[in-house]
Protein backbone atom coordinates (compact mmCIF):
# COMPACT_ATOMS: atom_id res chain seq x y z
CA UNK A 1 0.00 0.00 0.00
CA UNK A 2 1.39 3.39 -0.94
CA UNK A 3 1.81 6.12 1.68
CA UNK A 4 -1.01 8.01 0.00
CA UNK A 5 -3.29 4.96 0.16
CA UNK A 6 -2.55 4.64 3.89
CA UNK A 7 -3.56 8.30 4.36
CA UNK A 8 -6.63 7.70 2.21
CA UNK A 9 -7.58 4.71 4.39
CA UNK A 10 -7.55 6.97 7.46
CA UNK A 11 -9.76 9.51 5.66
CA UNK A 12 -12.21 6.75 4.73
CA UNK A 13 -12.39 5.54 8.34
CA UNK A 14 -12.91 9.09 9.64
CA UNK A 15 -15.58 9.93 7.08
CA UNK A 16 -18.24 8.18 9.15
CA UNK A 17 -19.75 6.55 6.08
CA UNK A 18 -19.78 3.07 4.61
CA UNK A 19 -16.77 3.95 2.42
CA UNK A 20 -14.27 2.25 4.74
CA UNK A 21 -16.39 -0.90 4.81
CA UNK A 22 -16.52 -1.00 1.02
CA UNK A 23 -12.76 -0.38 0.74
CA UNK A 24 -12.13 -3.18 3.25
CA UNK A 25 -14.28 -5.50 1.09
CA UNK A 26 -12.13 -4.57 -1.91
CA UNK A 27 -8.94 -5.30 0.05
CA UNK A 28 -10.22 -8.80 0.80
CA UNK A 29 -11.52 -9.45 -2.73
CA UNK A 30 -8.42 -8.12 -4.48
CA UNK A 31 -6.06 -10.03 -2.17
CA UNK A 32 -7.79 -13.27 -3.17
CA UNK A 33 -8.28 -12.49 -6.87
CA UNK A 34 -7.41 -9.03 -8.25
CA UNK A 35 -9.38 -9.73 -11.44
CA UNK A 36 -12.60 -10.98 -9.82
CA UNK A 37 -15.73 -9.65 -11.43
CA UNK A 38 -18.16 -8.74 -9.79
CA UNK A 39 -17.59 -6.24 -8.36
CA UNK A 40 -16.60 -4.67 -11.67
CA UNK A 41 -13.19 -3.18 -12.24
CA UNK A 42 -11.85 -0.92 -14.95
CA UNK A 43 -8.43 -0.94 -16.60
CA UNK A 44 -6.97 2.55 -16.50
CA UNK A 45 -5.07 4.34 -19.26
CA UNK A 46 -2.76 7.32 -19.61
CA UNK A 47 -0.51 8.02 -16.62
CA UNK A 48 -2.25 5.21 -14.72
CA UNK A 49 -1.85 2.60 -17.44
CA UNK A 50 -1.40 -0.81 -15.84
CA UNK A 51 -3.57 0.11 -12.86
CA UNK A 52 -7.10 -1.04 -12.13
CA UNK A 53 -9.93 0.85 -10.48
CA UNK A 54 -12.99 -0.20 -8.50
CA UNK A 55 -15.72 2.21 -7.48
CA UNK A 56 -16.10 2.89 -3.75
CA UNK A 57 -18.79 5.46 -4.54
CA UNK A 58 -19.46 8.04 -7.24
CA UNK A 59 -16.41 10.10 -6.20
CA UNK A 60 -13.89 7.71 -4.61
CA UNK A 61 -11.97 4.89 -6.31
CA UNK A 62 -9.88 1.99 -5.09
CA UNK A 63 -6.88 2.12 -7.47
CA UNK A 64 -4.35 -0.73 -7.54
CA UNK A 65 -1.95 -2.72 -9.69
CA UNK A 66 -0.64 -6.26 -9.55
CA UNK A 67 3.12 -6.67 -9.50
CA UNK A 68 5.19 -9.80 -10.08
CA UNK A 69 6.40 -11.63 -6.99
CA UNK A 70 10.13 -11.13 -7.71
CA UNK A 71 11.05 -11.48 -4.02
CA UNK A 72 9.43 -14.94 -3.85
CA UNK A 73 7.15 -13.96 -0.95
CA UNK A 74 5.04 -16.75 0.55
CA UNK A 75 1.91 -17.09 2.66
CA UNK A 76 1.71 -18.79 6.08
CA UNK A 77 1.57 -22.21 4.38
CA UNK A 78 4.74 -21.58 2.42
CA UNK A 79 2.93 -21.18 -0.91
CA UNK A 80 4.32 -18.56 -3.29
CA UNK A 81 2.12 -15.58 -4.04
CA UNK A 82 1.31 -15.34 -7.77
CA UNK A 83 1.54 -11.54 -7.62
CA UNK A 84 1.64 -8.65 -5.18
CA UNK A 85 -1.23 -6.14 -5.07
CA UNK A 86 -0.10 -2.53 -4.64
CA UNK A 87 -2.84 -0.07 -3.66
CA UNK A 88 -2.19 3.42 -5.02
CA UNK A 89 -5.26 5.40 -3.88
CA UNK A 90 -8.59 5.05 -2.10
CA UNK A 91 -9.75 8.67 -1.89
CA UNK A 92 -10.89 10.95 -4.71
CA UNK A 93 -11.03 10.29 -8.42
CA UNK A 94 -7.83 9.48 -10.36
CA UNK A 95 -5.27 12.06 -9.28
PDB file of N, CA and C in Angstrom:
ATOM      1  N   UNK A   1       0.859  -1.178   0.000  1.00  0.00           N
ATOM      2  CA  UNK A   1       0.000   0.000   0.000  1.00  0.00           C
ATOM      3  C   UNK A   1       0.899   1.233   0.000  1.00  0.00           C
ATOM      4  N   UNK A   2       0.601   2.163  -0.870  1.00  0.00           N
ATOM      5  CA  UNK A   2       1.390   3.390  -0.937  1.00  0.00           C
ATOM      6  C   UNK A   2       1.133   4.246   0.305  1.00  0.00           C
ATOM      7  N   UNK A   3       2.013   5.194   0.548  1.00  0.00           N
ATOM      8  CA  UNK A   3       1.806   6.115   1.677  1.00  0.00           C
ATOM      9  C   UNK A   3       0.500   6.873   1.511  1.00  0.00           C
ATOM     10  N   UNK A   4       0.226   7.276   0.260  1.00  0.00           N
ATOM     11  CA  UNK A   4      -1.009   8.012   0.002  1.00  0.00           C
ATOM     12  C   UNK A   4      -2.226   7.135   0.274  1.00  0.00           C
ATOM     13  N   UNK A   5      -2.164   5.870  -0.099  1.00  0.00           N
ATOM     14  CA  UNK A   5      -3.288   4.956   0.162  1.00  0.00           C
ATOM     15  C   UNK A   5      -3.500   4.783   1.663  1.00  0.00           C
ATOM     16  N   UNK A   6      -2.418   4.751   2.439  1.00  0.00           N
ATOM     17  CA  UNK A   6      -2.547   4.644   3.890  1.00  0.00           C
ATOM     18  C   UNK A   6      -3.242   5.886   4.458  1.00  0.00           C
ATOM     19  N   UNK A   7      -2.887   7.059   3.937  1.00  0.00           N
ATOM     20  CA  UNK A   7      -3.555   8.297   4.357  1.00  0.00           C
ATOM     21  C   UNK A   7      -5.023   8.273   3.939  1.00  0.00           C
ATOM     22  N   UNK A   8      -5.262   7.784   2.720  1.00  0.00           N
ATOM     23  CA  UNK A   8      -6.633   7.698   2.211  1.00  0.00           C
ATOM     24  C   UNK A   8      -7.472   6.766   3.083  1.00  0.00           C
ATOM     25  N   UNK A   9      -6.873   5.656   3.528  1.00  0.00           N
ATOM     26  CA  UNK A   9      -7.580   4.711   4.390  1.00  0.00           C
ATOM     27  C   UNK A   9      -8.042   5.404   5.668  1.00  0.00           C
ATOM     28  N   UNK A  10      -7.185   6.228   6.241  1.00  0.00           N
ATOM     29  CA  UNK A  10      -7.549   6.966   7.457  1.00  0.00           C
ATOM     30  C   UNK A  10      -8.705   7.929   7.168  1.00  0.00           C
ATOM     31  N   UNK A  11      -8.668   8.602   6.032  1.00  0.00           N
ATOM     32  CA  UNK A  11      -9.763   9.509   5.660  1.00  0.00           C
ATOM     33  C   UNK A  11     -11.073   8.742   5.522  1.00  0.00           C
ATOM     34  N   UNK A  12     -11.004   7.560   4.900  1.00  0.00           N
ATOM     35  CA  UNK A  12     -12.210   6.749   4.732  1.00  0.00           C
ATOM     36  C   UNK A  12     -12.788   6.356   6.082  1.00  0.00           C
ATOM     37  N   UNK A  13     -11.921   5.954   7.009  1.00  0.00           N
ATOM     38  CA  UNK A  13     -12.389   5.544   8.344  1.00  0.00           C
ATOM     39  C   UNK A  13     -13.001   6.723   9.097  1.00  0.00           C
ATOM     40  N   UNK A  14     -12.433   7.914   8.925  1.00  0.00           N
ATOM     41  CA  UNK A  14     -12.915   9.087   9.643  1.00  0.00           C
ATOM     42  C   UNK A  14     -14.153   9.707   9.005  1.00  0.00           C
ATOM     43  N   UNK A  15     -14.465   9.307   7.794  1.00  0.00           N
ATOM     44  CA  UNK A  15     -15.582   9.934   7.080  1.00  0.00           C
ATOM     45  C   UNK A  15     -16.938   9.589   7.692  1.00  0.00           C
ATOM     46  N   UNK A  16     -16.987   8.536   8.498  1.00  0.00           N
ATOM     47  CA  UNK A  16     -18.241   8.182   9.146  1.00  0.00           C
ATOM     48  C   UNK A  16     -19.280   7.617   8.198  1.00  0.00           C
ATOM     49  N   UNK A  17     -18.837   7.125   7.075  1.00  0.00           N
ATOM     50  CA  UNK A  17     -19.752   6.553   6.083  1.00  0.00           C
ATOM     51  C   UNK A  17     -19.413   5.085   5.873  1.00  0.00           C
ATOM     52  N   UNK A  18     -20.051   4.480   4.924  1.00  0.00           N
ATOM     53  CA  UNK A  18     -19.783   3.075   4.613  1.00  0.00           C
ATOM     54  C   UNK A  18     -18.587   2.916   3.669  1.00  0.00           C
ATOM     55  N   UNK A  19     -17.892   4.005   3.364  1.00  0.00           N
ATOM     56  CA  UNK A  19     -16.773   3.949   2.423  1.00  0.00           C
ATOM     57  C   UNK A  19     -15.664   3.018   2.916  1.00  0.00           C
ATOM     58  N   UNK A  20     -15.337   3.093   4.197  1.00  0.00           N
ATOM     59  CA  UNK A  20     -14.268   2.249   4.742  1.00  0.00           C
ATOM     60  C   UNK A  20     -14.660   0.777   4.652  1.00  0.00           C
ATOM     61  N   UNK A  21     -15.924   0.488   4.898  1.00  0.00           N
ATOM     62  CA  UNK A  21     -16.391  -0.899   4.812  1.00  0.00           C
ATOM     63  C   UNK A  21     -16.246  -1.421   3.380  1.00  0.00           C
ATOM     64  N   UNK A  22     -16.619  -0.609   2.420  1.00  0.00           N
ATOM     65  CA  UNK A  22     -16.524  -1.004   1.016  1.00  0.00           C
ATOM     66  C   UNK A  22     -15.057  -1.179   0.610  1.00  0.00           C
ATOM     67  N   UNK A  23     -14.187  -0.267   1.043  1.00  0.00           N
ATOM     68  CA  UNK A  23     -12.759  -0.376   0.740  1.00  0.00           C
ATOM     69  C   UNK A  23     -12.183  -1.643   1.365  1.00  0.00           C
ATOM     70  N   UNK A  24     -12.599  -1.964   2.577  1.00  0.00           N
ATOM     71  CA  UNK A  24     -12.133  -3.181   3.250  1.00  0.00           C
ATOM     72  C   UNK A  24     -12.577  -4.416   2.459  1.00  0.00           C
ATOM     73  N   UNK A  25     -13.801  -4.397   1.929  1.00  0.00           N
ATOM     74  CA  UNK A  25     -14.278  -5.500   1.091  1.00  0.00           C
ATOM     75  C   UNK A  25     -13.388  -5.648  -0.140  1.00  0.00           C
ATOM     76  N   UNK A  26     -13.004  -4.523  -0.750  1.00  0.00           N
ATOM     77  CA  UNK A  26     -12.127  -4.570  -1.913  1.00  0.00           C
ATOM     78  C   UNK A  26     -10.757  -5.134  -1.551  1.00  0.00           C
ATOM     79  N   UNK A  27     -10.238  -4.776  -0.388  1.00  0.00           N
ATOM     80  CA  UNK A  27      -8.943  -5.298   0.048  1.00  0.00           C
ATOM     81  C   UNK A  27      -8.994  -6.816   0.109  1.00  0.00           C
ATOM     82  N   UNK A  28     -10.067  -7.350   0.684  1.00  0.00           N
ATOM     83  CA  UNK A  28     -10.217  -8.803   0.797  1.00  0.00           C
ATOM     84  C   UNK A  28     -10.371  -9.438  -0.579  1.00  0.00           C
ATOM     85  N   UNK A  29     -11.260  -8.892  -1.394  1.00  0.00           N
ATOM     86  CA  UNK A  29     -11.519  -9.447  -2.726  1.00  0.00           C
ATOM     87  C   UNK A  29     -10.259  -9.424  -3.577  1.00  0.00           C
ATOM     88  N   UNK A  30      -9.590  -8.287  -3.623  1.00  0.00           N
ATOM     89  CA  UNK A  30      -8.416  -8.123  -4.478  1.00  0.00           C
ATOM     90  C   UNK A  30      -7.253  -8.978  -3.984  1.00  0.00           C
ATOM     91  N   UNK A  31      -7.142  -9.183  -2.674  1.00  0.00           N
ATOM     92  CA  UNK A  31      -6.056 -10.030  -2.167  1.00  0.00           C
ATOM     93  C   UNK A  31      -6.256 -11.489  -2.575  1.00  0.00           C
ATOM     94  N   UNK A  32      -7.510 -11.903  -2.746  1.00  0.00           N
ATOM     95  CA  UNK A  32      -7.791 -13.273  -3.166  1.00  0.00           C
ATOM     96  C   UNK A  32      -7.720 -13.425  -4.685  1.00  0.00           C
ATOM     97  N   UNK A  33      -8.285 -12.456  -5.417  1.00  0.00           N
ATOM     98  CA  UNK A  33      -8.277 -12.491  -6.873  1.00  0.00           C
ATOM     99  C   UNK A  33      -8.439 -11.067  -7.397  1.00  0.00           C
ATOM    100  N   UNK A  34      -7.347 -10.429  -7.820  1.00  0.00           N
ATOM    101  CA  UNK A  34      -7.415  -9.028  -8.254  1.00  0.00           C
ATOM    102  C   UNK A  34      -8.272  -8.793  -9.493  1.00  0.00           C
ATOM    103  N   UNK A  35      -8.617  -9.869 -10.201  1.00  0.00           N
ATOM    104  CA  UNK A  35      -9.384  -9.727 -11.438  1.00  0.00           C
ATOM    105  C   UNK A  35     -10.820 -10.242 -11.291  1.00  0.00           C
ATOM    106  N   UNK A  36     -11.241 -10.481 -10.053  1.00  0.00           N
ATOM    107  CA  UNK A  36     -12.599 -10.980  -9.821  1.00  0.00           C
ATOM    108  C   UNK A  36     -13.633  -9.975 -10.295  1.00  0.00           C
ATOM    109  N   UNK A  37     -14.657 -10.501 -10.947  1.00  0.00           N
ATOM    110  CA  UNK A  37     -15.735  -9.655 -11.433  1.00  0.00           C
ATOM    111  C   UNK A  37     -17.031 -10.429 -11.248  1.00  0.00           C
ATOM    112  N   UNK A  38     -18.032 -10.008 -10.477  1.00  0.00           N
ATOM    113  CA  UNK A  38     -18.162  -8.739  -9.786  1.00  0.00           C
ATOM    114  C   UNK A  38     -17.360  -8.718  -8.488  1.00  0.00           C
ATOM    115  N   UNK A  39     -17.208  -7.558  -7.884  1.00  0.00           N
ATOM    116  CA  UNK A  39     -17.587  -6.238  -8.363  1.00  0.00           C
ATOM    117  C   UNK A  39     -16.732  -5.827  -9.553  1.00  0.00           C
ATOM    118  N   UNK A  40     -17.312  -5.030 -10.436  1.00  0.00           N
ATOM    119  CA  UNK A  40     -16.604  -4.673 -11.666  1.00  0.00           C
ATOM    120  C   UNK A  40     -15.353  -3.829 -11.407  1.00  0.00           C
ATOM    121  N   UNK A  41     -14.394  -4.011 -12.272  1.00  0.00           N
ATOM    122  CA  UNK A  41     -13.193  -3.182 -12.244  1.00  0.00           C
ATOM    123  C   UNK A  41     -12.967  -2.618 -13.631  1.00  0.00           C
ATOM    124  N   UNK A  42     -12.131  -1.598 -13.685  1.00  0.00           N
ATOM    125  CA  UNK A  42     -11.854  -0.916 -14.951  1.00  0.00           C
ATOM    126  C   UNK A  42     -10.343  -0.820 -15.112  1.00  0.00           C
ATOM    127  N   UNK A  43      -9.844  -1.143 -16.294  1.00  0.00           N
ATOM    128  CA  UNK A  43      -8.429  -0.938 -16.600  1.00  0.00           C
ATOM    129  C   UNK A  43      -8.234   0.541 -16.895  1.00  0.00           C
ATOM    130  N   UNK A  44      -7.211   1.128 -16.312  1.00  0.00           N
ATOM    131  CA  UNK A  44      -6.969   2.550 -16.504  1.00  0.00           C
ATOM    132  C   UNK A  44      -5.978   2.772 -17.646  1.00  0.00           C
ATOM    133  N   UNK A  45      -5.962   3.994 -18.151  1.00  0.00           N
ATOM    134  CA  UNK A  45      -5.070   4.339 -19.255  1.00  0.00           C
ATOM    135  C   UNK A  45      -4.318   5.621 -18.910  1.00  0.00           C
ATOM    136  N   UNK A  46      -3.519   6.084 -19.837  1.00  0.00           N
ATOM    137  CA  UNK A  46      -2.761   7.319 -19.612  1.00  0.00           C
ATOM    138  C   UNK A  46      -1.677   7.120 -18.573  1.00  0.00           C
ATOM    139  N   UNK A  47      -1.539   8.096 -17.667  1.00  0.00           N
ATOM    140  CA  UNK A  47      -0.515   8.024 -16.623  1.00  0.00           C
ATOM    141  C   UNK A  47      -0.721   6.827 -15.694  1.00  0.00           C
ATOM    142  N   UNK A  48      -1.948   6.335 -15.612  1.00  0.00           N
ATOM    143  CA  UNK A  48      -2.251   5.210 -14.722  1.00  0.00           C
ATOM    144  C   UNK A  48      -2.398   3.898 -15.492  1.00  0.00           C
ATOM    145  N   UNK A  49      -1.800   3.829 -16.649  1.00  0.00           N
ATOM    146  CA  UNK A  49      -1.848   2.597 -17.443  1.00  0.00           C
ATOM    147  C   UNK A  49      -1.223   1.464 -16.632  1.00  0.00           C
ATOM    148  N   UNK A  50      -1.877   0.323 -16.620  1.00  0.00           N
ATOM    149  CA  UNK A  50      -1.404  -0.814 -15.843  1.00  0.00           C
ATOM    150  C   UNK A  50      -2.090  -0.919 -14.490  1.00  0.00           C
ATOM    151  N   UNK A  51      -2.821   0.120 -14.114  1.00  0.00           N
ATOM    152  CA  UNK A  51      -3.572   0.110 -12.855  1.00  0.00           C
ATOM    153  C   UNK A  51      -5.022  -0.260 -13.131  1.00  0.00           C
ATOM    154  N   UNK A  52      -5.684  -0.693 -12.071  1.00  0.00           N
ATOM    155  CA  UNK A  52      -7.104  -1.036 -12.132  1.00  0.00           C
ATOM    156  C   UNK A  52      -7.845  -0.187 -11.119  1.00  0.00           C
ATOM    157  N   UNK A  53      -9.126   0.016 -11.366  1.00  0.00           N
ATOM    158  CA  UNK A  53      -9.932   0.848 -10.485  1.00  0.00           C
ATOM    159  C   UNK A  53     -11.248   0.143 -10.168  1.00  0.00           C
ATOM    160  N   UNK A  54     -11.671   0.261  -8.927  1.00  0.00           N
ATOM    161  CA  UNK A  54     -12.992  -0.197  -8.503  1.00  0.00           C
ATOM    162  C   UNK A  54     -13.674   0.967  -7.799  1.00  0.00           C
ATOM    163  N   UNK A  55     -14.960   1.074  -8.000  1.00  0.00           N
ATOM    164  CA  UNK A  55     -15.725   2.212  -7.482  1.00  0.00           C
ATOM    165  C   UNK A  55     -16.113   1.993  -6.018  1.00  0.00           C
ATOM    166  N   UNK A  56     -15.643   2.886  -5.140  1.00  0.00           N
ATOM    167  CA  UNK A  56     -16.096   2.895  -3.749  1.00  0.00           C
ATOM    168  C   UNK A  56     -17.448   3.591  -3.696  1.00  0.00           C
ATOM    169  N   UNK A  57     -17.522   4.738  -4.344  1.00  0.00           N
ATOM    170  CA  UNK A  57     -18.785   5.462  -4.537  1.00  0.00           C
ATOM    171  C   UNK A  57     -18.624   6.314  -5.792  1.00  0.00           C
ATOM    172  N   UNK A  58     -19.506   7.236  -6.005  1.00  0.00           N
ATOM    173  CA  UNK A  58     -19.456   8.038  -7.241  1.00  0.00           C
ATOM    174  C   UNK A  58     -18.178   8.883  -7.333  1.00  0.00           C
ATOM    175  N   UNK A  59     -17.593   9.250  -6.194  1.00  0.00           N
ATOM    176  CA  UNK A  59     -16.405  10.103  -6.198  1.00  0.00           C
ATOM    177  C   UNK A  59     -15.107   9.329  -5.952  1.00  0.00           C
ATOM    178  N   UNK A  60     -15.122   8.370  -5.060  1.00  0.00           N
ATOM    179  CA  UNK A  60     -13.892   7.710  -4.615  1.00  0.00           C
ATOM    180  C   UNK A  60     -13.660   6.387  -5.334  1.00  0.00           C
ATOM    181  N   UNK A  61     -12.375   6.109  -5.609  1.00  0.00           N
ATOM    182  CA  UNK A  61     -11.973   4.893  -6.307  1.00  0.00           C
ATOM    183  C   UNK A  61     -10.873   4.166  -5.549  1.00  0.00           C
ATOM    184  N   UNK A  62     -10.920   2.858  -5.622  1.00  0.00           N
ATOM    185  CA  UNK A  62      -9.876   1.987  -5.090  1.00  0.00           C
ATOM    186  C   UNK A  62      -8.976   1.662  -6.283  1.00  0.00           C
ATOM    187  N   UNK A  63      -7.775   2.235  -6.330  1.00  0.00           N
ATOM    188  CA  UNK A  63      -6.877   2.120  -7.473  1.00  0.00           C
ATOM    189  C   UNK A  63      -5.678   1.261  -7.074  1.00  0.00           C
ATOM    190  N   UNK A  64      -5.408   0.213  -7.875  1.00  0.00           N
ATOM    191  CA  UNK A  64      -4.350  -0.726  -7.541  1.00  0.00           C
ATOM    192  C   UNK A  64      -3.710  -1.302  -8.801  1.00  0.00           C
ATOM    193  N   UNK A  65      -2.554  -1.931  -8.612  1.00  0.00           N
ATOM    194  CA  UNK A  65      -1.950  -2.717  -9.688  1.00  0.00           C
ATOM    195  C   UNK A  65      -1.464  -4.028  -9.104  1.00  0.00           C
ATOM    196  N   UNK A  66      -1.133  -4.952  -9.977  1.00  0.00           N
ATOM    197  CA  UNK A  66      -0.642  -6.259  -9.552  1.00  0.00           C
ATOM    198  C   UNK A  66       0.779  -6.390 -10.073  1.00  0.00           C
ATOM    199  N   UNK A  67       1.697  -6.600  -9.149  1.00  0.00           N
ATOM    200  CA  UNK A  67       3.116  -6.667  -9.503  1.00  0.00           C
ATOM    201  C   UNK A  67       3.616  -8.106  -9.395  1.00  0.00           C
ATOM    202  N   UNK A  68       4.643  -8.445 -10.172  1.00  0.00           N
ATOM    203  CA  UNK A  68       5.193  -9.800 -10.083  1.00  0.00           C
ATOM    204  C   UNK A  68       5.842 -10.033  -8.720  1.00  0.00           C
ATOM    205  N   UNK A  69       5.828 -11.262  -8.282  1.00  0.00           N
ATOM    206  CA  UNK A  69       6.405 -11.632  -6.993  1.00  0.00           C
ATOM    207  C   UNK A  69       7.894 -11.947  -7.177  1.00  0.00           C
ATOM    208  N   UNK A  70       8.697 -10.930  -7.451  1.00  0.00           N
ATOM    209  CA  UNK A  70      10.128 -11.134  -7.712  1.00  0.00           C
ATOM    210  C   UNK A  70      10.899 -11.504  -6.452  1.00  0.00           C
ATOM    211  N   UNK A  71      10.368 -11.164  -5.278  1.00  0.00           N
ATOM    212  CA  UNK A  71      11.050 -11.478  -4.024  1.00  0.00           C
ATOM    213  C   UNK A  71      10.677 -12.851  -3.492  1.00  0.00           C
ATOM    214  N   UNK A  72       9.850 -13.589  -4.234  1.00  0.00           N
ATOM    215  CA  UNK A  72       9.431 -14.945  -3.854  1.00  0.00           C
ATOM    216  C   UNK A  72       8.782 -14.977  -2.473  1.00  0.00           C
ATOM    217  N   UNK A  73       7.872 -14.015  -2.220  1.00  0.00           N
ATOM    218  CA  UNK A  73       7.153 -13.958  -0.952  1.00  0.00           C
ATOM    219  C   UNK A  73       6.156 -15.109  -0.881  1.00  0.00           C
ATOM    220  N   UNK A  74       5.944 -15.621   0.344  1.00  0.00           N
ATOM    221  CA  UNK A  74       5.042 -16.755   0.545  1.00  0.00           C
ATOM    222  C   UNK A  74       3.999 -16.431   1.605  1.00  0.00           C
ATOM    223  N   UNK A  75       2.928 -17.223   1.612  1.00  0.00           N
ATOM    224  CA  UNK A  75       1.914 -17.086   2.656  1.00  0.00           C
ATOM    225  C   UNK A  75       2.305 -17.940   3.856  1.00  0.00           C
ATOM    226  N   UNK A  76       1.418 -18.041   4.848  1.00  0.00           N
ATOM    227  CA  UNK A  76       1.714 -18.785   6.077  1.00  0.00           C
ATOM    228  C   UNK A  76       1.985 -20.264   5.806  1.00  0.00           C
ATOM    229  N   UNK A  77       1.401 -20.793   4.722  1.00  0.00           N
ATOM    230  CA  UNK A  77       1.566 -22.209   4.382  1.00  0.00           C
ATOM    231  C   UNK A  77       2.788 -22.466   3.505  1.00  0.00           C
ATOM    232  N   UNK A  78       3.551 -21.433   3.223  1.00  0.00           N
ATOM    233  CA  UNK A  78       4.742 -21.579   2.415  1.00  0.00           C
ATOM    234  C   UNK A  78       4.490 -21.556   0.918  1.00  0.00           C
ATOM    235  N   UNK A  79       3.261 -21.240   0.506  1.00  0.00           N
ATOM    236  CA  UNK A  79       2.933 -21.176  -0.910  1.00  0.00           C
ATOM    237  C   UNK A  79       3.324 -19.809  -1.470  1.00  0.00           C
ATOM    238  N   UNK A  80       3.935 -19.816  -2.649  1.00  0.00           N
ATOM    239  CA  UNK A  80       4.325 -18.559  -3.288  1.00  0.00           C
ATOM    240  C   UNK A  80       3.108 -17.767  -3.726  1.00  0.00           C
ATOM    241  N   UNK A  81       3.156 -16.451  -3.502  1.00  0.00           N
ATOM    242  CA  UNK A  81       2.117 -15.581  -4.042  1.00  0.00           C
ATOM    243  C   UNK A  81       2.321 -15.480  -5.550  1.00  0.00           C
ATOM    244  N   UNK A  82       1.220 -15.461  -6.313  1.00  0.00           N
ATOM    245  CA  UNK A  82       1.306 -15.337  -7.766  1.00  0.00           C
ATOM    246  C   UNK A  82       1.658 -13.912  -8.168  1.00  0.00           C
ATOM    247  N   UNK A  83       1.260 -12.944  -7.356  1.00  0.00           N
ATOM    248  CA  UNK A  83       1.536 -11.543  -7.618  1.00  0.00           C
ATOM    249  C   UNK A  83       1.305 -10.743  -6.348  1.00  0.00           C
ATOM    250  N   UNK A  84       1.780  -9.538  -6.331  1.00  0.00           N
ATOM    251  CA  UNK A  84       1.641  -8.649  -5.180  1.00  0.00           C
ATOM    252  C   UNK A  84       0.744  -7.485  -5.579  1.00  0.00           C
ATOM    253  N   UNK A  85      -0.314  -7.247  -4.804  1.00  0.00           N
ATOM    254  CA  UNK A  85      -1.232  -6.143  -5.072  1.00  0.00           C
ATOM    255  C   UNK A  85      -0.692  -4.884  -4.390  1.00  0.00           C
ATOM    256  N   UNK A  86      -0.550  -3.820  -5.157  1.00  0.00           N
ATOM    257  CA  UNK A  86      -0.099  -2.531  -4.639  1.00  0.00           C
ATOM    258  C   UNK A  86      -1.254  -1.544  -4.772  1.00  0.00           C
ATOM    259  N   UNK A  87      -1.724  -1.026  -3.646  1.00  0.00           N
ATOM    260  CA  UNK A  87      -2.835  -0.066  -3.658  1.00  0.00           C
ATOM    261  C   UNK A  87      -2.255   1.337  -3.763  1.00  0.00           C
ATOM    262  N   UNK A  88      -2.692   2.065  -4.778  1.00  0.00           N
ATOM    263  CA  UNK A  88      -2.188   3.416  -5.017  1.00  0.00           C
ATOM    264  C   UNK A  88      -3.029   4.466  -4.298  1.00  0.00           C
ATOM    265  N   UNK A  89      -4.357   4.399  -4.454  1.00  0.00           N
ATOM    266  CA  UNK A  89      -5.257   5.402  -3.881  1.00  0.00           C
ATOM    267  C   UNK A  89      -6.565   4.775  -3.445  1.00  0.00           C
ATOM    268  N   UNK A  90      -7.245   5.445  -2.515  1.00  0.00           N
ATOM    269  CA  UNK A  90      -8.591   5.052  -2.095  1.00  0.00           C
ATOM    270  C   UNK A  90      -9.496   6.252  -1.916  1.00  0.00           C
ATOM    271  N   UNK A  91      -8.984   7.447  -2.131  1.00  0.00           N
ATOM    272  CA  UNK A  91      -9.750   8.670  -1.888  1.00  0.00           C
ATOM    273  C   UNK A  91      -9.677   9.532  -3.129  1.00  0.00           C
ATOM    274  N   UNK A  92     -10.729  10.086  -3.530  1.00  0.00           N
ATOM    275  CA  UNK A  92     -10.893  10.950  -4.711  1.00  0.00           C
ATOM    276  C   UNK A  92     -10.846  10.157  -6.014  1.00  0.00           C
ATOM    277  N   UNK A  93     -11.044  10.877  -7.079  1.00  0.00           N
ATOM    278  CA  UNK A  93     -11.027  10.295  -8.415  1.00  0.00           C
ATOM    279  C   UNK A  93      -9.618  10.427  -8.950  1.00  0.00           C
ATOM    280  N   UNK A  94      -9.192   9.622  -9.832  1.00  0.00           N
ATOM    281  CA  UNK A  94      -7.833   9.484 -10.359  1.00  0.00           C
ATOM    282  C   UNK A  94      -7.008  10.771 -10.342  1.00  0.00           C
ATOM    283  N   UNK A  95      -6.161  10.891  -9.355  1.00  0.00           N
ATOM    284  CA  UNK A  95      -5.273  12.061  -9.280  1.00  0.00           C
ATOM    285  C   UNK A  95      -3.834  11.618  -9.271  1.00  0.00           C
TER     286      UNK A  95
END
